[in-house]
N, C-alpha and C. Protein backbone atom coordinates (compact mmCIF):
# COMPACT_ATOMS: atom_id res chain seq x y z
N MET A 1 79.14 109.45 77.51
CA MET A 1 79.00 111.28 76.91
C MET A 1 78.82 111.63 78.17
N CYS A 2 79.49 112.44 79.21
CA CYS A 2 78.74 113.57 79.92
C CYS A 2 78.24 114.51 79.84
N ASP A 3 77.24 115.38 80.42
CA ASP A 3 76.41 116.78 79.22
C ASP A 3 77.41 117.61 80.39
N VAL A 4 77.32 119.14 79.24
CA VAL A 4 78.20 120.90 79.85
C VAL A 4 76.50 120.55 79.91
N TYR A 5 75.96 121.16 81.16
CA TYR A 5 74.97 122.38 81.48
C TYR A 5 75.63 123.75 80.65
N GLU A 6 74.55 124.55 79.41
CA GLU A 6 74.91 126.35 79.33
C GLU A 6 73.31 126.71 80.62
N ASP A 7 73.93 127.16 81.94
CA ASP A 7 72.51 127.78 82.44
C ASP A 7 72.82 128.77 82.09
N HIS A 8 72.01 129.78 82.10
CA HIS A 8 72.33 131.59 80.80
C HIS A 8 71.15 131.69 82.52
N GLY A 9 70.78 131.51 83.19
CA GLY A 9 69.67 131.81 84.51
C GLY A 9 70.81 132.18 85.50
N PRO A 10 71.12 134.14 85.54
CA PRO A 10 71.30 134.21 86.46
C PRO A 10 71.26 134.01 88.04
N ALA A 11 70.84 132.65 88.37
CA ALA A 11 70.19 132.70 90.18
C ALA A 11 71.71 131.61 90.30
N ARG A 12 71.36 130.83 88.99
CA ARG A 12 72.44 129.84 89.32
C ARG A 12 73.82 129.49 88.31
N ASP A 13 74.53 129.88 89.27
CA ASP A 13 76.22 130.02 88.32
C ASP A 13 76.20 131.27 87.47
N GLY A 14 75.76 132.02 87.93
CA GLY A 14 75.67 133.31 87.51
C GLY A 14 75.96 133.57 85.51
N GLY A 15 75.64 131.56 85.62
CA GLY A 15 75.16 131.71 83.89
C GLY A 15 76.21 131.14 83.43
N VAL A 16 76.88 130.50 83.82
CA VAL A 16 78.14 129.77 83.18
C VAL A 16 77.90 128.38 83.25
N PRO A 17 78.54 127.67 81.85
CA PRO A 17 78.59 126.65 81.33
C PRO A 17 79.19 125.83 82.64
N CYS A 18 78.19 124.93 83.05
CA CYS A 18 79.37 124.37 84.17
C CYS A 18 79.22 122.04 83.68
N ILE A 19 79.57 121.26 84.35
CA ILE A 19 79.76 120.07 84.32
C ILE A 19 78.64 119.65 84.63
N ARG A 20 77.67 118.89 84.28
CA ARG A 20 76.89 118.38 84.87
C ARG A 20 75.86 118.81 85.84
N GLY A 21 75.80 119.94 85.80
CA GLY A 21 75.02 120.60 86.52
C GLY A 21 75.31 120.37 88.29
N LEU A 22 76.72 120.37 87.83
CA LEU A 22 77.00 120.08 89.50
C LEU A 22 77.79 121.34 89.95
N ARG A 23 77.46 122.85 88.98
CA ARG A 23 78.56 123.89 89.34
C ARG A 23 79.67 124.06 89.40
N ILE A 24 80.45 122.78 88.76
CA ILE A 24 81.77 123.26 89.01
C ILE A 24 82.23 124.00 86.66
N PRO A 25 82.35 125.31 86.55
CA PRO A 25 81.92 125.83 85.83
C PRO A 25 83.08 125.14 84.94
N VAL A 26 82.34 125.68 83.40
CA VAL A 26 83.63 124.37 82.66
C VAL A 26 85.50 125.11 82.59
N ALA A 27 84.68 126.60 82.46
CA ALA A 27 86.36 127.28 83.25
C ALA A 27 87.84 126.59 83.49
N THR A 28 87.26 126.61 85.16
CA THR A 28 87.68 126.17 85.82
C THR A 28 88.10 125.02 85.68
N VAL A 29 87.43 123.39 85.50
CA VAL A 29 88.15 122.96 84.42
C VAL A 29 89.54 123.05 83.63
N VAL A 30 89.28 123.29 82.49
CA VAL A 30 89.66 124.21 81.19
C VAL A 30 90.80 124.39 81.24
N GLY A 31 90.55 125.32 83.10
CA GLY A 31 92.23 126.39 83.55
C GLY A 31 92.69 125.54 83.92
N MET A 32 92.28 124.72 84.94
CA MET A 32 93.63 123.41 85.78
C MET A 32 94.15 122.65 85.12
N LEU A 33 93.41 122.08 84.13
CA LEU A 33 94.37 121.10 82.90
C LEU A 33 95.81 122.06 81.93
N ALA A 34 94.79 123.86 81.27
CA ALA A 34 95.42 123.80 80.68
C ALA A 34 97.10 124.78 81.57
N ASP A 35 96.65 124.45 83.19
CA ASP A 35 98.36 125.14 84.30
C ASP A 35 98.68 123.68 84.25
N GLY A 36 98.92 122.41 83.89
CA GLY A 36 99.43 121.40 83.65
C GLY A 36 98.88 120.42 84.40
N MET A 37 97.80 120.86 85.66
CA MET A 37 97.07 120.35 86.23
C MET A 37 97.02 118.56 86.18
N ALA A 38 97.33 117.55 86.64
CA ALA A 38 97.26 116.07 85.90
C ALA A 38 95.66 115.49 86.21
N THR A 39 95.33 115.01 85.58
CA THR A 39 93.66 114.10 85.92
C THR A 39 93.67 114.25 87.17
N ALA A 40 94.79 112.98 87.82
CA ALA A 40 94.65 112.18 89.58
C ALA A 40 94.45 113.60 90.43
N GLU A 41 94.87 115.09 89.85
CA GLU A 41 94.84 115.98 90.57
C GLU A 41 93.99 116.72 91.19
N ILE A 42 93.23 116.64 89.77
CA ILE A 42 92.19 117.37 89.46
C ILE A 42 90.55 116.65 89.63
N LEU A 43 90.33 114.80 89.87
CA LEU A 43 89.96 114.48 90.23
C LEU A 43 90.58 114.18 92.19
N ASP A 44 90.95 114.66 92.34
CA ASP A 44 91.28 114.17 93.96
C ASP A 44 90.70 116.19 94.44
N ALA A 45 90.85 116.62 93.79
CA ALA A 45 90.32 118.96 93.69
C ALA A 45 88.19 117.82 93.40
N TYR A 46 88.39 117.56 92.75
CA TYR A 46 86.73 117.88 92.56
C TYR A 46 86.30 116.30 92.34
N PRO A 47 85.81 115.40 93.36
CA PRO A 47 85.28 114.22 93.40
C PRO A 47 84.54 113.53 92.98
N ASP A 48 83.52 115.12 92.55
CA ASP A 48 82.03 114.30 92.27
C ASP A 48 82.34 114.65 90.12
N LEU A 49 83.53 114.57 89.47
CA LEU A 49 84.32 114.59 88.82
C LEU A 49 84.91 112.86 88.51
N GLU A 50 84.49 112.88 86.82
CA GLU A 50 84.65 111.79 86.75
C GLU A 50 85.83 112.00 85.69
N PRO A 51 86.55 111.38 85.18
CA PRO A 51 87.56 111.50 84.30
C PRO A 51 86.97 112.03 82.29
N ASP A 52 85.65 110.83 81.97
CA ASP A 52 84.95 111.56 80.87
C ASP A 52 84.42 113.18 80.49
N ASP A 53 84.75 113.71 81.95
CA ASP A 53 83.74 114.99 82.42
C ASP A 53 85.20 116.07 81.83
N LEU A 54 86.32 115.94 82.19
CA LEU A 54 87.35 116.42 81.83
C LEU A 54 87.71 116.69 80.30
N ARG A 55 87.56 116.03 79.52
CA ARG A 55 87.25 115.16 78.22
C ARG A 55 85.97 116.35 78.27
N GLU A 56 85.17 115.79 78.41
CA GLU A 56 83.98 116.54 78.12
C GLU A 56 84.01 118.57 78.25
N ALA A 57 84.61 119.33 78.78
CA ALA A 57 85.18 120.08 78.79
C ALA A 57 85.80 121.03 78.24
N LEU A 58 86.49 120.30 78.26
CA LEU A 58 87.60 120.01 76.58
C LEU A 58 86.89 120.19 74.64
N ARG A 59 86.07 119.49 75.08
CA ARG A 59 85.01 118.85 73.85
C ARG A 59 83.75 120.26 73.78
N TYR A 60 83.47 120.77 74.61
CA TYR A 60 82.67 122.83 74.56
C TYR A 60 83.33 123.29 74.33
N ALA A 61 84.53 123.61 75.41
CA ALA A 61 85.73 124.54 74.88
C ALA A 61 86.15 124.83 73.70
N ALA A 62 86.55 123.84 72.36
CA ALA A 62 86.86 123.18 71.73
C ALA A 62 85.56 123.78 70.68
N GLU A 63 84.62 123.28 71.02
CA GLU A 63 82.52 123.65 69.98
C GLU A 63 83.42 125.75 70.65
N ALA A 64 83.00 126.20 71.34
CA ALA A 64 82.80 127.14 71.80
C ALA A 64 83.37 128.40 71.23
N VAL A 65 85.03 127.58 70.52
CA VAL A 65 86.07 128.62 69.95
C VAL A 65 85.93 128.74 68.80
N ARG A 66 85.13 127.65 68.43
CA ARG A 66 85.60 126.67 66.30
C ARG A 66 85.19 127.84 65.87
N GLU A 67 86.39 128.31 64.54
CA GLU A 67 85.70 129.48 63.62
C GLU A 67 84.41 128.14 63.39
N ARG A 68 83.67 129.25 62.69
CA ARG A 68 82.47 129.70 61.91
C ARG A 68 82.12 130.42 60.69
N GLU A 69 82.22 129.67 59.71
CA GLU A 69 81.20 130.48 59.06
C GLU A 69 80.37 131.11 58.51
N LEU A 70 79.92 132.33 58.12
CA LEU A 70 78.50 132.80 58.73
C LEU A 70 77.80 133.76 57.28
N PRO A 71 77.13 133.73 56.95
CA PRO A 71 76.59 134.08 55.66
C PRO A 71 76.58 135.69 55.74
N LEU A 72 77.35 135.97 54.28
CA LEU A 72 77.04 137.30 54.16
C LEU A 72 75.95 137.62 53.73
N THR A 73 75.43 139.06 53.75
CA THR A 73 74.12 139.59 53.48
C THR A 73 74.32 141.20 53.68
N ALA A 74 73.68 141.12 52.00
CA ALA A 74 73.68 142.36 51.39
C ALA A 74 73.98 144.05 52.17
N THR A 75 73.66 145.12 52.86
CA THR A 75 73.62 145.60 53.38
C THR A 75 73.03 147.38 52.05
N GLY A 76 72.24 148.08 52.99
CA GLY A 76 71.43 149.20 52.29
C GLY A 76 71.38 148.65 51.18
């Protein structure tokens, strides 16, 4: 499994999640997949990526938007 790194420091990539520290934003990869680009096309465009990186980007995106239950707290 490949890693997605979240770098929240503005000095590097504006703090956006990137694939394995390659400075390729997860959003770029997910957008390319959403636009219907084939895996081979994406890998040709970004030779440093591996097929597992594309799957990991989708996993990261899915987790980012997954519905979460938040505990209810009493107010005032």
